[in-house]
């Protein structure tokens, strides 16, 4: 969410700009919230968090492109020919 704040010119430190994000942006991160400490739930939330990070990749420079294949592999979403496949 900090990357989304940066993209929109909002404060990025300590979540200060989170409340100022447009509703549709905040909704896009909702599935990344952990609802229980169950392993399956934690992995589900992690998957959505990684997808949100990759959606905001433009604000993170070259790092997401470098680590995207490893992140997708980690969350169980393989890439084929550089393209993510579900």
Protein backbone atom coordinates (compact mmCIF):
# COMPACT_ATOMS: atom_id res chain seq x y z
CA UNK A 1 0.00 0.00 0.00
CA UNK A 2 2.96 2.26 0.57
CA UNK A 3 3.86 1.92 -3.11
CA UNK A 4 0.30 2.90 -4.07
CA UNK A 5 0.62 5.94 -1.80
CA UNK A 6 3.91 6.88 -3.41
CA UNK A 7 2.36 6.55 -6.87
CA UNK A 8 -0.43 8.97 -5.86
CA UNK A 9 1.87 11.40 -4.04
CA UNK A 10 0.54 10.52 -0.58
CA UNK A 11 2.62 10.05 2.58
CA UNK A 12 4.31 6.65 2.60
CA UNK A 13 5.68 6.37 6.11
CA UNK A 14 3.92 4.42 8.88
CA UNK A 15 0.78 4.00 6.75
CA UNK A 16 -0.05 7.70 6.98
CA UNK A 17 -1.45 7.86 3.45
CA UNK A 18 -3.47 4.63 3.53
CA UNK A 19 -6.73 6.33 4.55
CA UNK A 20 -6.32 8.84 1.72
CA UNK A 21 -6.07 6.16 -0.99
CA UNK A 22 -9.10 6.00 -3.28
CA UNK A 23 -11.65 3.35 -2.31
CA UNK A 24 -10.95 1.18 -5.37
CA UNK A 25 -7.23 1.10 -4.50
CA UNK A 26 -7.91 0.11 -0.88
CA UNK A 27 -10.34 -2.59 -2.04
CA UNK A 28 -7.61 -4.05 -4.26
CA UNK A 29 -5.56 -4.74 -1.11
CA UNK A 30 -8.43 -6.12 1.00
CA UNK A 31 -7.78 -9.75 0.12
CA UNK A 32 -4.21 -9.43 1.40
CA UNK A 33 -5.51 -9.00 4.96
CA UNK A 34 -5.00 -12.09 7.12
CA UNK A 35 -8.27 -13.38 8.58
CA UNK A 36 -6.88 -16.22 10.71
CA UNK A 37 -3.59 -17.90 11.54
CA UNK A 38 -4.54 -21.03 9.62
CA UNK A 39 -1.79 -22.08 7.18
CA UNK A 40 -4.11 -22.07 4.18
CA UNK A 41 -5.38 -18.60 5.10
CA UNK A 42 -1.88 -17.23 5.57
CA UNK A 43 -0.83 -18.54 2.16
CA UNK A 44 -3.98 -17.10 0.57
CA UNK A 45 -3.27 -13.67 2.04
CA UNK A 46 0.38 -13.88 1.01
CA UNK A 47 -0.62 -14.67 -2.56
CA UNK A 48 -2.83 -11.57 -2.72
CA UNK A 49 -0.12 -9.44 -1.10
CA UNK A 50 2.43 -10.55 -3.71
CA UNK A 51 -0.05 -9.85 -6.51
CA UNK A 52 -0.67 -6.36 -5.06
CA UNK A 53 3.08 -5.74 -4.89
CA UNK A 54 3.47 -6.74 -8.53
CA UNK A 55 0.57 -4.47 -9.56
CA UNK A 56 2.46 -1.53 -8.02
CA UNK A 57 5.76 -2.55 -9.61
CA UNK A 58 6.27 0.76 -11.43
CA UNK A 59 6.91 2.52 -8.11
CA UNK A 60 9.50 -0.03 -6.98
CA UNK A 61 11.99 0.38 -9.80
CA UNK A 62 13.69 -2.69 -11.24
CA UNK A 63 13.37 -4.90 -8.17
CA UNK A 64 9.96 -6.48 -8.93
CA UNK A 65 11.05 -7.52 -12.43
CA UNK A 66 14.12 -9.12 -10.90
CA UNK A 67 12.28 -11.05 -8.21
CA UNK A 68 8.90 -11.62 -9.91
CA UNK A 69 9.66 -15.16 -11.13
CA UNK A 70 10.79 -16.19 -7.63
CA UNK A 71 7.79 -14.56 -5.98
CA UNK A 72 5.39 -16.26 -8.37
CA UNK A 73 7.09 -19.60 -7.79
CA UNK A 74 6.93 -19.06 -4.03
CA UNK A 75 3.19 -18.40 -4.08
CA UNK A 76 2.53 -21.23 -6.51
CA UNK A 77 1.88 -19.21 -9.65
CA UNK A 78 4.42 -20.37 -12.22
CA UNK A 79 5.68 -18.32 -15.14
CA UNK A 80 6.06 -19.71 -18.63
CA UNK A 81 8.11 -17.76 -21.15
CA UNK A 82 8.13 -14.77 -18.80
CA UNK A 83 4.32 -14.69 -18.60
CA UNK A 84 2.48 -15.57 -15.37
CA UNK A 85 0.09 -18.50 -15.71
CA UNK A 86 -2.66 -19.37 -13.27
